[in-house]
Full PDB file with SEQRES, HELIX, SHEET, SSBOND, CRYST1, ORIGX, SCALE, CONECT and MASTER records, all heavy atoms in Angstrom:
SEQRES   1 A   39  PRO ALA GLU ILE PRO ASP VAL PRO ASP GLY GLU ALA GLY          
SEQRES   2 A   39  ILE LEU GLU GLN PHE ILE LYS LYS GLU GLN ASN ARG MET          
SEQRES   3 A   39  LEU TYR ARG ALA MET ALA ARG LEU PRO SER ARG LYS ARG          
HELIX    1 AA1 ILE A   14  ARG A   33  1                                  20    
CRYST1    1.000    1.000    1.000  90.00  90.00  90.00 P 1           1          
ORIGX1      1.000000  0.000000  0.000000        0.00000                         
ORIGX2      0.000000  1.000000  0.000000        0.00000                         
ORIGX3      0.000000  0.000000  1.000000        0.00000                         
SCALE1      1.000000  0.000000  0.000000        0.00000                         
SCALE2      0.000000  1.000000  0.000000        0.00000                         
SCALE3      0.000000  0.000000  1.000000        0.00000                         
ATOM      1  N   PRO A   1     -16.548  21.127  19.176  1.00  0.00           N  
ATOM      2  CA  PRO A   1     -17.059  22.026  18.138  1.00  0.00           C  
ATOM      3  C   PRO A   1     -17.352  23.430  18.669  1.00  0.00           C  
ATOM      4  O   PRO A   1     -17.658  23.605  19.830  1.00  0.00           O  
ATOM      5  CB  PRO A   1     -18.345  21.337  17.677  1.00  0.00           C  
ATOM      6  CG  PRO A   1     -18.733  20.450  18.786  1.00  0.00           C  
ATOM      7  CD  PRO A   1     -17.470  20.067  19.508  1.00  0.00           C  
ATOM      8  N   ALA A   2     -17.250  24.388  17.772  1.00  0.00           N  
ATOM      9  CA  ALA A   2     -17.454  25.788  18.152  1.00  0.00           C  
ATOM     10  C   ALA A   2     -18.929  26.187  18.119  1.00  0.00           C  
ATOM     11  O   ALA A   2     -19.301  27.183  18.699  1.00  0.00           O  
ATOM     12  CB  ALA A   2     -16.661  26.692  17.230  1.00  0.00           C  
ATOM     13  N   GLU A   3     -19.745  25.439  17.447  1.00  0.00           N  
ATOM     14  CA  GLU A   3     -21.155  25.797  17.307  1.00  0.00           C  
ATOM     15  C   GLU A   3     -22.059  24.787  17.988  1.00  0.00           C  
ATOM     16  O   GLU A   3     -21.786  23.593  17.966  1.00  0.00           O  
ATOM     17  CB  GLU A   3     -21.546  25.887  15.824  1.00  0.00           C  
ATOM     18  CG  GLU A   3     -20.871  27.019  15.088  1.00  0.00           C  
ATOM     19  CD  GLU A   3     -21.271  28.381  15.619  1.00  0.00           C  
ATOM     20  OE1 GLU A   3     -22.456  28.589  15.936  1.00  0.00           O  
ATOM     21  OE2 GLU A   3     -20.387  29.238  15.726  1.00  0.00           O  
ATOM     22  N   ILE A   4     -23.133  25.270  18.546  1.00  0.00           N  
ATOM     23  CA  ILE A   4     -24.120  24.385  19.172  1.00  0.00           C  
ATOM     24  C   ILE A   4     -25.029  23.831  18.076  1.00  0.00           C  
ATOM     25  O   ILE A   4     -25.392  24.555  17.150  1.00  0.00           O  
ATOM     26  CB  ILE A   4     -24.942  25.142  20.239  1.00  0.00           C  
ATOM     27  CG1 ILE A   4     -25.845  24.191  21.007  1.00  0.00           C  
ATOM     28  CG2 ILE A   4     -25.766  26.248  19.628  1.00  0.00           C  
ATOM     29  CD1 ILE A   4     -26.458  24.796  22.247  1.00  0.00           C  
ATOM     30  N   PRO A   5     -25.378  22.543  18.147  1.00  0.00           N  
ATOM     31  CA  PRO A   5     -26.287  22.016  17.135  1.00  0.00           C  
ATOM     32  C   PRO A   5     -27.675  22.623  17.294  1.00  0.00           C  
ATOM     33  O   PRO A   5     -28.095  22.930  18.397  1.00  0.00           O  
ATOM     34  CB  PRO A   5     -26.304  20.509  17.431  1.00  0.00           C  
ATOM     35  CG  PRO A   5     -25.700  20.334  18.763  1.00  0.00           C  
ATOM     36  CD  PRO A   5     -24.920  21.566  19.090  1.00  0.00           C  
ATOM     37  N   ASP A   6     -28.360  22.818  16.170  1.00  0.00           N  
ATOM     38  CA  ASP A   6     -29.714  23.358  16.213  1.00  0.00           C  
ATOM     39  C   ASP A   6     -30.672  22.316  16.758  1.00  0.00           C  
ATOM     40  O   ASP A   6     -30.678  21.167  16.316  1.00  0.00           O  
ATOM     41  CB  ASP A   6     -30.177  23.773  14.812  1.00  0.00           C  
ATOM     42  CG  ASP A   6     -29.440  25.003  14.323  1.00  0.00           C  
ATOM     43  OD1 ASP A   6     -29.026  25.819  15.175  1.00  0.00           O  
ATOM     44  OD2 ASP A   6     -29.292  25.153  13.099  1.00  0.00           O  
ATOM     45  N   VAL A   7     -31.483  22.732  17.737  1.00  0.00           N  
ATOM     46  CA  VAL A   7     -32.503  21.865  18.311  1.00  0.00           C  
ATOM     47  C   VAL A   7     -33.821  22.620  18.213  1.00  0.00           C  
ATOM     48  O   VAL A   7     -34.025  23.608  18.920  1.00  0.00           O  
ATOM     49  CB  VAL A   7     -32.197  21.519  19.787  1.00  0.00           C  
ATOM     50  CG1 VAL A   7     -33.268  20.624  20.367  1.00  0.00           C  
ATOM     51  CG2 VAL A   7     -30.828  20.874  19.906  1.00  0.00           C  
ATOM     52  N   PRO A   8     -34.709  22.190  17.297  1.00  0.00           N  
ATOM     53  CA  PRO A   8     -35.960  22.923  17.134  1.00  0.00           C  
ATOM     54  C   PRO A   8     -36.864  22.783  18.358  1.00  0.00           C  
ATOM     55  O   PRO A   8     -36.884  21.770  19.017  1.00  0.00           O  
ATOM     56  CB  PRO A   8     -36.612  22.267  15.905  1.00  0.00           C  
ATOM     57  CG  PRO A   8     -35.980  20.939  15.796  1.00  0.00           C  
ATOM     58  CD  PRO A   8     -34.618  21.042  16.415  1.00  0.00           C  
ATOM     59  N   ASP A   9     -37.614  23.831  18.646  1.00  0.00           N  
ATOM     60  CA  ASP A   9     -38.546  23.840  19.765  1.00  0.00           C  
ATOM     61  C   ASP A   9     -39.902  24.270  19.225  1.00  0.00           C  
ATOM     62  O   ASP A   9     -40.116  25.453  18.986  1.00  0.00           O  
ATOM     63  CB  ASP A   9     -38.042  24.787  20.843  1.00  0.00           C  
ATOM     64  CG  ASP A   9     -38.889  24.758  22.100  1.00  0.00           C  
ATOM     65  OD1 ASP A   9     -39.837  23.958  22.179  1.00  0.00           O  
ATOM     66  OD2 ASP A   9     -38.596  25.546  23.000  1.00  0.00           O  
ATOM     67  N   GLY A  10     -40.791  23.333  18.992  1.00  0.00           N  
ATOM     68  CA  GLY A  10     -42.067  23.600  18.355  1.00  0.00           C  
ATOM     69  C   GLY A  10     -43.046  24.379  19.198  1.00  0.00           C  
ATOM     70  O   GLY A  10     -43.980  24.969  18.682  1.00  0.00           O  
ATOM     71  N   GLU A  11     -42.872  24.414  20.519  1.00  0.00           N  
ATOM     72  CA  GLU A  11     -43.832  25.053  21.406  1.00  0.00           C  
ATOM     73  C   GLU A  11     -43.673  26.575  21.452  1.00  0.00           C  
ATOM     74  O   GLU A  11     -44.644  27.296  21.525  1.00  0.00           O  
ATOM     75  CB  GLU A  11     -43.662  24.499  22.828  1.00  0.00           C  
ATOM     76  CG  GLU A  11     -43.933  23.003  22.947  1.00  0.00           C  
ATOM     77  CD  GLU A  11     -45.410  22.693  22.984  1.00  0.00           C  
ATOM     78  OE1 GLU A  11     -46.159  23.437  23.618  1.00  0.00           O  
ATOM     79  OE2 GLU A  11     -45.806  21.694  22.363  1.00  0.00           O  
ATOM     80  N   ALA A  12     -42.457  27.060  21.452  1.00  0.00           N  
ATOM     81  CA  ALA A  12     -42.222  28.491  21.635  1.00  0.00           C  
ATOM     82  C   ALA A  12     -42.421  29.257  20.339  1.00  0.00           C  
ATOM     83  O   ALA A  12     -42.317  28.716  19.253  1.00  0.00           O  
ATOM     84  CB  ALA A  12     -40.804  28.707  22.157  1.00  0.00           C  
ATOM     85  N   GLY A  13     -42.673  30.556  20.489  1.00  0.00           N  
ATOM     86  CA  GLY A  13     -42.793  31.421  19.328  1.00  0.00           C  
ATOM     87  C   GLY A  13     -41.428  31.663  18.714  1.00  0.00           C  
ATOM     88  O   GLY A  13     -40.401  31.309  19.282  1.00  0.00           O  
ATOM     89  N   ILE A  14     -41.425  32.311  17.559  1.00  0.00           N  
ATOM     90  CA  ILE A  14     -40.173  32.535  16.831  1.00  0.00           C  
ATOM     91  C   ILE A  14     -39.203  33.376  17.657  1.00  0.00           C  
ATOM     92  O   ILE A  14     -38.019  33.047  17.740  1.00  0.00           O  
ATOM     93  CB  ILE A  14     -40.466  33.207  15.477  1.00  0.00           C  
ATOM     94  CG1 ILE A  14     -41.225  32.225  14.591  1.00  0.00           C  
ATOM     95  CG2 ILE A  14     -39.178  33.659  14.811  1.00  0.00           C  
ATOM     96  CD1 ILE A  14     -41.737  32.824  13.307  1.00  0.00           C  
ATOM     97  N   LEU A  15     -39.672  34.440  18.305  1.00  0.00           N  
ATOM     98  CA  LEU A  15     -38.792  35.278  19.111  1.00  0.00           C  
ATOM     99  C   LEU A  15     -38.216  34.499  20.289  1.00  0.00           C  
ATOM    100  O   LEU A  15     -37.019  34.569  20.559  1.00  0.00           O  
ATOM    101  CB  LEU A  15     -39.537  36.522  19.609  1.00  0.00           C  
ATOM    102  CG  LEU A  15     -38.722  37.498  20.456  1.00  0.00           C  
ATOM    103  CD1 LEU A  15     -37.509  38.002  19.659  1.00  0.00           C  
ATOM    104  CD2 LEU A  15     -39.579  38.649  20.911  1.00  0.00           C  
ATOM    105  N   GLU A  16     -39.057  33.744  20.982  1.00  0.00           N  
ATOM    106  CA  GLU A  16     -38.585  32.940  22.109  1.00  0.00           C  
ATOM    107  C   GLU A  16     -37.569  31.894  21.660  1.00  0.00           C  
ATOM    108  O   GLU A  16     -36.579  31.642  22.336  1.00  0.00           O  
ATOM    109  CB  GLU A  16     -39.755  32.257  22.829  1.00  0.00           C  
ATOM    110  CG  GLU A  16     -40.615  33.203  23.654  1.00  0.00           C  
ATOM    111  CD  GLU A  16     -41.692  33.895  22.812  1.00  0.00           C  
ATOM    112  OE1 GLU A  16     -41.870  33.552  21.624  1.00  0.00           O  
ATOM    113  OE2 GLU A  16     -42.343  34.801  23.352  1.00  0.00           O  
ATOM    114  N   GLN A  17     -37.810  31.299  20.492  1.00  0.00           N  
ATOM    115  CA  GLN A  17     -36.862  30.320  19.952  1.00  0.00           C  
ATOM    116  C   GLN A  17     -35.518  30.975  19.674  1.00  0.00           C  
ATOM    117  O   GLN A  17     -34.469  30.422  20.000  1.00  0.00           O  
ATOM    118  CB  GLN A  17     -37.389  29.709  18.657  1.00  0.00           C  
ATOM    119  CG  GLN A  17     -38.480  28.693  18.837  1.00  0.00           C  
ATOM    120  CD  GLN A  17     -38.924  28.127  17.491  1.00  0.00           C  
ATOM    121  OE1 GLN A  17     -38.265  28.296  16.480  1.00  0.00           O  
ATOM    122  NE2 GLN A  17     -40.053  27.439  17.501  1.00  0.00           N  
ATOM    123  N   PHE A  18     -35.574  32.159  19.083  1.00  0.00           N  
ATOM    124  CA  PHE A  18     -34.333  32.863  18.766  1.00  0.00           C  
ATOM    125  C   PHE A  18     -33.560  33.211  20.036  1.00  0.00           C  
ATOM    126  O   PHE A  18     -32.352  32.996  20.113  1.00  0.00           O  
ATOM    127  CB  PHE A  18     -34.641  34.133  17.961  1.00  0.00           C  
ATOM    128  CG  PHE A  18     -33.421  34.951  17.662  1.00  0.00           C  
ATOM    129  CD1 PHE A  18     -32.541  34.553  16.671  1.00  0.00           C  
ATOM    130  CD2 PHE A  18     -33.139  36.104  18.394  1.00  0.00           C  
ATOM    131  CE1 PHE A  18     -31.401  35.285  16.397  1.00  0.00           C  
ATOM    132  CE2 PHE A  18     -31.999  36.840  18.128  1.00  0.00           C  
ATOM    133  CZ  PHE A  18     -31.127  36.431  17.129  1.00  0.00           C  
ATOM    134  N   ILE A  19     -34.260  33.752  21.027  1.00  0.00           N  
ATOM    135  CA  ILE A  19     -33.607  34.122  22.291  1.00  0.00           C  
ATOM    136  C   ILE A  19     -33.018  32.899  22.971  1.00  0.00           C  
ATOM    137  O   ILE A  19     -31.859  32.918  23.414  1.00  0.00           O  
ATOM    138  CB  ILE A  19     -34.605  34.853  23.227  1.00  0.00           C  
ATOM    139  CG1 ILE A  19     -34.950  36.228  22.639  1.00  0.00           C  
ATOM    140  CG2 ILE A  19     -34.032  34.988  24.640  1.00  0.00           C  
ATOM    141  CD1 ILE A  19     -36.106  36.927  23.329  1.00  0.00           C  
ATOM    142  N   LYS A  20     -33.780  31.830  23.023  1.00  0.00           N  
ATOM    143  CA  LYS A  20     -33.294  30.604  23.656  1.00  0.00           C  
ATOM    144  C   LYS A  20     -32.075  30.055  22.900  1.00  0.00           C  
ATOM    145  O   LYS A  20     -31.098  29.633  23.510  1.00  0.00           O  
ATOM    146  CB  LYS A  20     -34.407  29.559  23.695  1.00  0.00           C  
ATOM    147  CG  LYS A  20     -34.028  28.305  24.440  1.00  0.00           C  
ATOM    148  CD  LYS A  20     -35.200  27.348  24.563  1.00  0.00           C  
ATOM    149  CE  LYS A  20     -34.769  26.134  25.346  1.00  0.00           C  
ATOM    150  NZ  LYS A  20     -35.865  25.207  25.570  1.00  0.00           N  
ATOM    151  N   LYS A  21     -32.140  30.085  21.571  1.00  0.00           N  
ATOM    152  CA  LYS A  21     -31.027  29.591  20.769  1.00  0.00           C  
ATOM    153  C   LYS A  21     -29.775  30.422  21.024  1.00  0.00           C  
ATOM    154  O   LYS A  21     -28.678  29.883  21.164  1.00  0.00           O  
ATOM    155  CB  LYS A  21     -31.404  29.616  19.287  1.00  0.00           C  
ATOM    156  CG  LYS A  21     -30.346  29.045  18.381  1.00  0.00           C  
ATOM    157  CD  LYS A  21     -30.822  29.038  16.935  1.00  0.00           C  
ATOM    158  CE  LYS A  21     -29.732  28.554  16.013  1.00  0.00           C  
ATOM    159  NZ  LYS A  21     -30.147  28.562  14.613  1.00  0.00           N  
ATOM    160  N   GLU A  22     -29.924  31.739  21.091  1.00  0.00           N  
ATOM    161  CA  GLU A  22     -28.779  32.610  21.343  1.00  0.00           C  
ATOM    162  C   GLU A  22     -28.218  32.395  22.746  1.00  0.00           C  
ATOM    163  O   GLU A  22     -26.999  32.376  22.939  1.00  0.00           O  
ATOM    164  CB  GLU A  22     -29.150  34.078  21.130  1.00  0.00           C  
ATOM    165  CG  GLU A  22     -29.238  34.460  19.679  1.00  0.00           C  
ATOM    166  CD  GLU A  22     -27.966  34.130  18.903  1.00  0.00           C  
ATOM    167  OE1 GLU A  22     -26.881  34.570  19.307  1.00  0.00           O  
ATOM    168  OE2 GLU A  22     -28.067  33.422  17.885  1.00  0.00           O  
ATOM    169  N   GLN A  23     -29.093  32.214  23.734  1.00  0.00           N  
ATOM    170  CA  GLN A  23     -28.630  31.943  25.096  1.00  0.00           C  
ATOM    171  C   GLN A  23     -27.868  30.618  25.138  1.00  0.00           C  
ATOM    172  O   GLN A  23     -26.803  30.525  25.757  1.00  0.00           O  
ATOM    173  CB  GLN A  23     -29.813  31.900  26.067  1.00  0.00           C  
ATOM    174  CG  GLN A  23     -30.413  33.248  26.335  1.00  0.00           C  
ATOM    175  CD  GLN A  23     -31.695  33.162  27.141  1.00  0.00           C  
ATOM    176  OE1 GLN A  23     -32.388  32.154  27.148  1.00  0.00           O  
ATOM    177  NE2 GLN A  23     -32.014  34.256  27.823  1.00  0.00           N  
ATOM    178  N   ASN A  24     -28.412  29.610  24.482  1.00  0.00           N  
ATOM    179  CA  ASN A  24     -27.741  28.310  24.429  1.00  0.00           C  
ATOM    180  C   ASN A  24     -26.399  28.411  23.714  1.00  0.00           C  
ATOM    181  O   ASN A  24     -25.418  27.814  24.131  1.00  0.00           O  
ATOM    182  CB  ASN A  24     -28.618  27.265  23.742  1.00  0.00           C  
ATOM    183  CG  ASN A  24     -29.786  26.832  24.594  1.00  0.00           C  
ATOM    184  OD1 ASN A  24     -29.793  27.025  25.801  1.00  0.00           O  
ATOM    185  ND2 ASN A  24     -30.789  26.255  23.965  1.00  0.00           N  
ATOM    186  N   ARG A  25     -26.367  29.179  22.633  1.00  0.00           N  
ATOM    187  CA  ARG A  25     -25.125  29.344  21.879  1.00  0.00           C  
ATOM    188  C   ARG A  25     -24.057  30.013  22.745  1.00  0.00           C  
ATOM    189  O   ARG A  25     -22.911  29.591  22.765  1.00  0.00           O  
ATOM    190  CB  ARG A  25     -25.388  30.157  20.614  1.00  0.00           C  
ATOM    191  CG  ARG A  25     -24.197  30.236  19.682  1.00  0.00           C  
ATOM    192  CD  ARG A  25     -24.480  31.058  18.423  1.00  0.00           C  
ATOM    193  NE  ARG A  25     -25.751  30.782  17.785  1.00  0.00           N  
ATOM    194  CZ  ARG A  25     -25.996  29.766  16.949  1.00  0.00           C  
ATOM    195  NH1 ARG A  25     -25.053  28.919  16.660  1.00  0.00           N  
ATOM    196  NH2 ARG A  25     -27.179  29.614  16.407  1.00  0.00           N  
ATOM    197  N   MET A  26     -24.457  31.036  23.489  1.00  0.00           N  
ATOM    198  CA  MET A  26     -23.499  31.721  24.366  1.00  0.00           C  
ATOM    199  C   MET A  26     -23.005  30.795  25.476  1.00  0.00           C  
ATOM    200  O   MET A  26     -21.810  30.768  25.776  1.00  0.00           O  
ATOM    201  CB  MET A  26     -24.137  32.980  24.966  1.00  0.00           C  
ATOM    202  CG  MET A  26     -24.399  34.076  23.944  1.00  0.00           C  
ATOM    203  SD  MET A  26     -25.206  35.483  24.697  1.00  0.00           S  
ATOM    204  CE  MET A  26     -23.817  36.604  24.764  1.00  0.00           C  
ATOM    205  N   LEU A  27     -23.916  30.052  26.065  1.00  0.00           N  
ATOM    206  CA  LEU A  27     -23.526  29.102  27.108  1.00  0.00           C  
ATOM    207  C   LEU A  27     -22.602  28.035  26.537  1.00  0.00           C  
ATOM    208  O   LEU A  27     -21.579  27.696  27.127  1.00  0.00           O  
ATOM    209  CB  LEU A  27     -24.764  28.448  27.731  1.00  0.00           C  
ATOM    210  CG  LEU A  27     -24.491  27.368  28.781  1.00  0.00           C  
ATOM    211  CD1 LEU A  27     -23.709  27.947  29.970  1.00  0.00           C  
ATOM    212  CD2 LEU A  27     -25.794  26.747  29.243  1.00  0.00           C  
ATOM    213  N   TYR A  28     -22.940  27.535  25.372  1.00  0.00           N  
ATOM    214  CA  TYR A  28     -22.138  26.492  24.727  1.00  0.00           C  
ATOM    215  C   TYR A  28     -20.730  27.003  24.423  1.00  0.00           C  
ATOM    216  O   TYR A  28     -19.739  26.328  24.679  1.00  0.00           O  
ATOM    217  CB  TYR A  28     -22.842  26.037  23.449  1.00  0.00           C  
ATOM    218  CG  TYR A  28     -22.285  24.791  22.850  1.00  0.00           C  
ATOM    219  CD1 TYR A  28     -22.608  23.544  23.361  1.00  0.00           C  
ATOM    220  CD2 TYR A  28     -21.430  24.849  21.766  1.00  0.00           C  
ATOM    221  CE1 TYR A  28     -22.098  22.387  22.804  1.00  0.00           C  
ATOM    222  CE2 TYR A  28     -20.909  23.704  21.202  1.00  0.00           C  
ATOM    223  CZ  TYR A  28     -21.253  22.474  21.723  1.00  0.00           C  
ATOM    224  OH  TYR A  28     -20.737  21.346  21.173  1.00  0.00           O  
ATOM    225  N   ARG A  29     -20.651  28.217  23.891  1.00  0.00           N  
ATOM    226  CA  ARG A  29     -19.340  28.801  23.595  1.00  0.00           C  
ATOM    227  C   ARG A  29     -18.523  29.011  24.862  1.00  0.00           C  
ATOM    228  O   ARG A  29     -17.319  28.765  24.881  1.00  0.00           O  
ATOM    229  CB  ARG A  29     -19.493  30.117  22.844  1.00  0.00           C  
ATOM    230  CG  ARG A  29     -19.860  29.935  21.405  1.00  0.00           C  
ATOM    231  CD  ARG A  29     -19.911  31.270  20.701  1.00  0.00           C  
ATOM    232  NE  ARG A  29     -20.288  31.085  19.320  1.00  0.00           N  
ATOM    233  CZ  ARG A  29     -20.956  31.961  18.613  1.00  0.00           C  
ATOM    234  NH1 ARG A  29     -21.325  33.106  19.150  1.00  0.00           N  
ATOM    235  NH2 ARG A  29     -21.265  31.720  17.364  1.00  0.00           N  
ATOM    236  N   ALA A  30     -19.185  29.500  25.901  1.00  0.00           N  
ATOM    237  CA  ALA A  30     -18.479  29.716  27.167  1.00  0.00           C  
ATOM    238  C   ALA A  30     -17.999  28.389  27.741  1.00  0.00           C  
ATOM    239  O   ALA A  30     -16.879  28.285  28.229  1.00  0.00           O  
ATOM    240  CB  ALA A  30     -19.388  30.443  28.159  1.00  0.00           C  
ATOM    241  N   MET A  31     -18.835  27.357  27.666  1.00  0.00           N  
ATOM    242  CA  MET A  31     -18.433  26.037  28.175  1.00  0.00           C  
ATOM    243  C   MET A  31     -17.281  25.472  27.356  1.00  0.00           C  
ATOM    244  O   MET A  31     -16.410  24.797  27.893  1.00  0.00           O  
ATOM    245  CB  MET A  31     -19.613  25.070  28.198  1.00  0.00           C  
ATOM    246  CG  MET A  31     -20.550  25.403  29.334  1.00  0.00           C  
ATOM    247  SD  MET A  31     -21.630  24.102  29.891  1.00  0.00           S  
ATOM    248  CE  MET A  31     -20.584  22.751  30.260  1.00  0.00           C  
ATOM    249  N   ALA A  32     -17.263  25.750  26.062  1.00  0.00           N  
ATOM    250  CA  ALA A  32     -16.185  25.252  25.209  1.00  0.00           C  
ATOM    251  C   ALA A  32     -14.840  25.862  25.592  1.00  0.00           C  
ATOM    252  O   ALA A  32     -13.801  25.260  25.335  1.00  0.00           O  
ATOM    253  CB  ALA A  32     -16.496  25.545  23.742  1.00  0.00           C  
ATOM    254  N   ARG A  33     -14.868  27.019  26.223  1.00  0.00           N  
ATOM    255  CA  ARG A  33     -13.628  27.674  26.653  1.00  0.00           C  
ATOM    256  C   ARG A  33     -13.070  27.084  27.943  1.00  0.00           C  
ATOM    257  O   ARG A  33     -11.911  27.320  28.276  1.00  0.00           O  
ATOM    258  CB  ARG A  33     -13.883  29.171  26.838  1.00  0.00           C  
ATOM    259  CG  ARG A  33     -14.181  29.874  25.510  1.00  0.00           C  
ATOM    260  CD  ARG A  33     -14.637  31.294  25.691  1.00  0.00           C  
ATOM    261  NE  ARG A  33     -13.593  32.152  26.227  1.00  0.00           N  
ATOM    262  CZ  ARG A  33     -13.792  33.423  26.551  1.00  0.00           C  
ATOM    263  NH1 ARG A  33     -14.987  33.974  26.378  1.00  0.00           N  
ATOM    264  NH2 ARG A  33     -12.813  34.147  27.044  1.00  0.00           N  
ATOM    265  N   LEU A  34     -13.887  26.363  28.679  1.00  0.00           N  
ATOM    266  CA  LEU A  34     -13.431  25.755  29.934  1.00  0.00           C  
ATOM    267  C   LEU A  34     -12.454  24.621  29.650  1.00  0.00           C  
ATOM    268  O   LEU A  34     -12.578  23.926  28.638  1.00  0.00           O  
ATOM    269  CB  LEU A  34     -14.614  25.182  30.721  1.00  0.00           C  
ATOM    270  CG  LEU A  34     -15.615  26.164  31.319  1.00  0.00           C  
ATOM    271  CD1 LEU A  34     -16.797  25.405  31.894  1.00  0.00           C  
ATOM    272  CD2 LEU A  34     -14.957  27.023  32.381  1.00  0.00           C  
ATOM    273  N   PRO A  35     -11.515  24.386  30.554  1.00  0.00           N  
ATOM    274  CA  PRO A  35     -10.675  23.191  30.425  1.00  0.00           C  
ATOM    275  C   PRO A  35     -11.561  21.941  30.441  1.00  0.00           C  
ATOM    276  O   PRO A  35     -12.627  21.932  31.072  1.00  0.00           O  
ATOM    277  CB  PRO A  35      -9.780  23.243  31.672  1.00  0.00           C  
ATOM    278  CG  PRO A  35      -9.803  24.679  32.104  1.00  0.00           C  
ATOM    279  CD  PRO A  35     -11.145  25.211  31.703  1.00  0.00           C  
ATOM    280  N   SER A  36     -11.137  20.910  29.757  1.00  0.00           N  
ATOM    281  CA  SER A  36     -11.996  19.732  29.564  1.00  0.00           C  
ATOM    282  C   SER A  36     -12.489  19.121  30.872  1.00  0.00           C  
ATOM    283  O   SER A  36     -13.640  18.709  30.969  1.00  0.00           O  
ATOM    284  CB  SER A  36     -11.288  18.681  28.716  1.00  0.00           C  
ATOM    285  OG  SER A  36     -10.117  18.232  29.366  1.00  0.00           O  
ATOM    286  N   ARG A  37     -11.660  19.059  31.897  1.00  0.00           N  
ATOM    287  CA  ARG A  37     -12.079  18.452  33.170  1.00  0.00           C  
ATOM    288  C   ARG A  37     -13.205  19.267  33.807  1.00  0.00           C  
ATOM    289  O   ARG A  37     -14.196  18.714  34.257  1.00  0.00           O  
ATOM    290  CB  ARG A  37     -10.866  18.350  34.109  1.00  0.00           C  
ATOM    291  CG  ARG A  37     -11.125  17.834  35.526  1.00  0.00           C  
ATOM    292  CD  ARG A  37     -11.697  16.427  35.626  1.00  0.00           C  
ATOM    293  NE  ARG A  37     -10.898  15.396  35.041  1.00  0.00           N  
ATOM    294  CZ  ARG A  37     -10.251  14.457  35.708  1.00  0.00           C  
ATOM    295  NH1 ARG A  37     -10.284  14.426  37.000  1.00  0.00           N  
ATOM    296  NH2 ARG A  37      -9.585  13.535  35.063  1.00  0.00           N  
ATOM    297  N   LYS A  38     -13.071  20.577  33.816  1.00  0.00           N  
ATOM    298  CA  LYS A  38     -14.106  21.430  34.403  1.00  0.00           C  
ATOM    299  C   LYS A  38     -15.390  21.354  33.576  1.00  0.00           C  
ATOM    300  O   LYS A  38     -16.488  21.301  34.129  1.00  0.00           O  
ATOM    301  CB  LYS A  38     -13.613  22.870  34.515  1.00  0.00           C  
ATOM    302  CG  LYS A  38     -12.528  23.054  35.564  1.00  0.00           C  
ATOM    303  CD  LYS A  38     -12.040  24.487  35.588  1.00  0.00           C  
ATOM    304  CE  LYS A  38     -10.926  24.663  36.603  1.00  0.00           C  
ATOM    305  NZ  LYS A  38     -10.361  26.013  36.575  1.00  0.00           N  
ATOM    306  N   ARG A  39     -15.248  21.375  32.259  1.00  0.00           N  
ATOM    307  CA  ARG A  39     -16.420  21.282  31.385  1.00  0.00           C  
ATOM    308  C   ARG A  39     -17.165  19.974  31.629  1.00  0.00           C  
ATOM    309  O   ARG A  39     -18.381  19.938  31.752  1.00  0.00           O  
ATOM    310  CB  ARG A  39     -15.987  21.403  29.920  1.00  0.00           C  
ATOM    311  CG  ARG A  39     -17.136  21.356  28.941  1.00  0.00           C  
ATOM    312  CD  ARG A  39     -16.700  21.564  27.510  1.00  0.00           C  
ATOM    313  NE  ARG A  39     -15.721  20.591  27.077  1.00  0.00           N  
ATOM    314  CZ  ARG A  39     -14.488  20.876  26.662  1.00  0.00           C  
ATOM    315  NH1 ARG A  39     -14.067  22.114  26.620  1.00  0.00           N  
ATOM    316  NH2 ARG A  39     -13.673  19.925  26.278  1.00  0.00           N  
TER     317      ARG A  39                                                      
MASTER        0    0    0    1    0    0    0    6  316    1    0    3          
END                                                                             
């Protein structure tokens, strides 16, 4: 899949949640570009 599933984080503030979600999304997208064996 091209999108990372949403995982709520009740401890962090809204800004921290957004930043973490965006970082995870970027990492997930980058990992999706790797060949399957490397991923």
